[in-house]
């Protein structure tokens, strides 16, 4: 079973940037053969899919309101997934999760909190 651990969250000012990381591990889990996703959950709201990435990194898809601001990348040699988030706004305040697979149905980590505030 896969274990995922996110890091890199914190307090950031509006207009600022942050890079989230996700470490993947697990017996029998082949990160290089697995599509991965980023999800988020804002305070008082439901879990929201924001981006997915194919196993080889050749294709990615983002929800519209993060396109051009968020960029996902992965390092299959290190079993790492990243999310670079730029031009953050207060509406981006949420707990961010990485998840196994395409979409929001797979195993996810405990999350890392990003707070966008002055």
Protein backbone atom coordinates (compact mmCIF):
# COMPACT_ATOMS: atom_id res chain seq x y z
CA UNK A 1 0.00 0.00 0.00
CA UNK A 2 1.24 3.47 -0.82
CA UNK A 3 2.21 5.98 1.84
CA UNK A 4 2.14 9.63 0.88
CA UNK A 5 3.48 12.54 2.90
CA UNK A 6 3.04 16.15 1.88
CA UNK A 7 5.22 19.05 3.01
CA UNK A 8 5.95 22.67 2.24
CA UNK A 9 2.80 24.37 3.43
CA UNK A 10 2.67 27.45 5.61
CA UNK A 11 1.65 31.06 5.69
CA UNK A 12 2.09 33.06 2.50
CA UNK A 13 1.04 36.55 1.54
CA UNK A 14 -1.38 37.18 -1.32
CA UNK A 15 0.48 37.18 -4.59
CA UNK A 16 3.17 34.97 -3.14
CA UNK A 17 4.39 31.52 -4.07
CA UNK A 18 4.92 28.21 -2.37
CA UNK A 19 6.17 24.82 -3.51
CA UNK A 20 4.59 21.73 -2.07
CA UNK A 21 6.29 18.35 -2.06
CA UNK A 22 4.92 14.85 -1.76
CA UNK A 23 6.99 11.83 -0.89
CA UNK A 24 5.65 8.46 -1.99
CA UNK A 25 6.64 5.06 -0.68
CA UNK A 26 5.21 1.63 -0.08
CA UNK A 27 6.01 -2.01 -0.53
CA UNK A 28 5.10 -3.03 -4.02
CA UNK A 29 4.19 0.50 -5.03
CA UNK A 30 5.75 1.62 -8.29
CA UNK A 31 5.63 5.40 -8.36
CA UNK A 32 7.01 5.57 -11.87
CA UNK A 33 4.00 3.61 -13.16
CA UNK A 34 1.36 5.58 -11.25
CA UNK A 35 -0.56 8.67 -12.21
CA UNK A 36 -0.68 11.17 -9.37
CA UNK A 37 -2.94 14.01 -8.37
CA UNK A 38 -3.17 17.03 -6.14
CA UNK A 39 -6.34 17.77 -4.21
CA UNK A 40 -7.30 20.43 -1.72
CA UNK A 41 -9.90 21.10 0.91
CA UNK A 42 -10.67 24.66 1.91
CA UNK A 43 -12.08 25.38 5.36
CA UNK A 44 -15.73 24.37 5.50
CA UNK A 45 -15.72 22.97 1.98
CA UNK A 46 -15.46 19.58 0.34
CA UNK A 47 -12.47 17.86 -1.18
CA UNK A 48 -11.60 19.35 -4.55
CA UNK A 49 -9.47 17.93 -7.35
CA UNK A 50 -7.02 20.47 -8.75
CA UNK A 51 -4.51 18.62 -10.95
CA UNK A 52 -3.44 15.20 -12.23
CA UNK A 53 -0.29 13.97 -13.91
CA UNK A 54 0.39 10.84 -15.94
CA UNK A 55 2.98 8.36 -14.68
CA UNK A 56 5.63 9.52 -17.10
CA UNK A 57 4.82 13.18 -16.69
CA UNK A 58 3.97 13.63 -20.34
CA UNK A 59 0.42 14.87 -19.76
CA UNK A 60 -1.15 16.93 -17.03
CA UNK A 61 -4.53 18.47 -16.47
CA UNK A 62 -5.51 21.27 -14.13
CA UNK A 63 -8.77 22.65 -12.91
CA UNK A 64 -9.42 25.90 -14.70
CA UNK A 65 -8.91 28.36 -11.87
CA UNK A 66 -5.37 27.21 -11.21
CA UNK A 67 -4.21 26.98 -14.82
CA UNK A 68 -1.29 29.30 -15.41
CA UNK A 69 -0.66 29.66 -11.66
CA UNK A 70 0.00 26.09 -10.50
CA UNK A 71 2.50 23.70 -12.05
CA UNK A 72 2.84 20.06 -11.11
CA UNK A 73 6.03 18.12 -11.63
CA UNK A 74 7.45 14.79 -10.57
CA UNK A 75 10.79 13.10 -10.10
CA UNK A 76 10.28 9.40 -10.64
CA UNK A 77 13.84 8.60 -9.58
CA UNK A 78 13.13 10.07 -6.13
CA UNK A 79 9.45 9.09 -5.82
CA UNK A 80 8.58 12.75 -5.41
CA UNK A 81 5.70 14.86 -6.63
CA UNK A 82 5.68 18.65 -6.53
CA UNK A 83 3.20 21.47 -6.86
CA UNK A 84 4.52 24.95 -7.57
CA UNK A 85 1.86 27.51 -6.74
CA UNK A 86 2.27 31.11 -7.83
CA UNK A 87 0.20 34.26 -7.49
CA UNK A 88 -1.69 32.84 -4.56
CA UNK A 89 -4.93 34.38 -3.41
CA UNK A 90 -6.91 34.05 -0.21
CA UNK A 91 -9.21 31.57 -1.97
CA UNK A 92 -6.25 29.22 -2.26
CA UNK A 93 -6.19 28.77 1.51
CA UNK A 94 -6.69 25.05 2.04
CA UNK A 95 -5.15 21.80 3.10
CA UNK A 96 -3.42 20.30 0.09
CA UNK A 97 -3.13 16.59 -0.50
CA UNK A 98 -1.30 14.46 -2.97
CA UNK A 99 -3.15 11.36 -4.08
CA UNK A 100 -2.49 8.17 -5.92
CA UNK A 101 -4.05 7.88 -9.33
CA UNK A 102 -5.95 10.22 -11.63
CA UNK A 103 -8.68 12.17 -9.89
CA UNK A 104 -9.61 12.31 -6.24
CA UNK A 105 -10.54 8.73 -5.49
CA UNK A 106 -7.15 7.30 -4.56
CA UNK A 107 -5.17 7.05 -1.37
CA UNK A 108 -3.99 10.42 -0.17
CA UNK A 109 -1.58 11.69 2.44
CA UNK A 110 -2.35 13.59 5.65
CA UNK A 111 -2.07 16.92 3.82
CA UNK A 112 -0.18 20.15 4.28
CA UNK A 113 -1.90 23.39 5.15
CA UNK A 114 -1.45 26.54 3.06
CA UNK A 115 -2.79 29.77 4.46
CA UNK A 116 -2.83 32.84 2.23
CA UNK A 117 -3.14 35.95 4.35
CA UNK A 118 -1.57 39.36 4.97
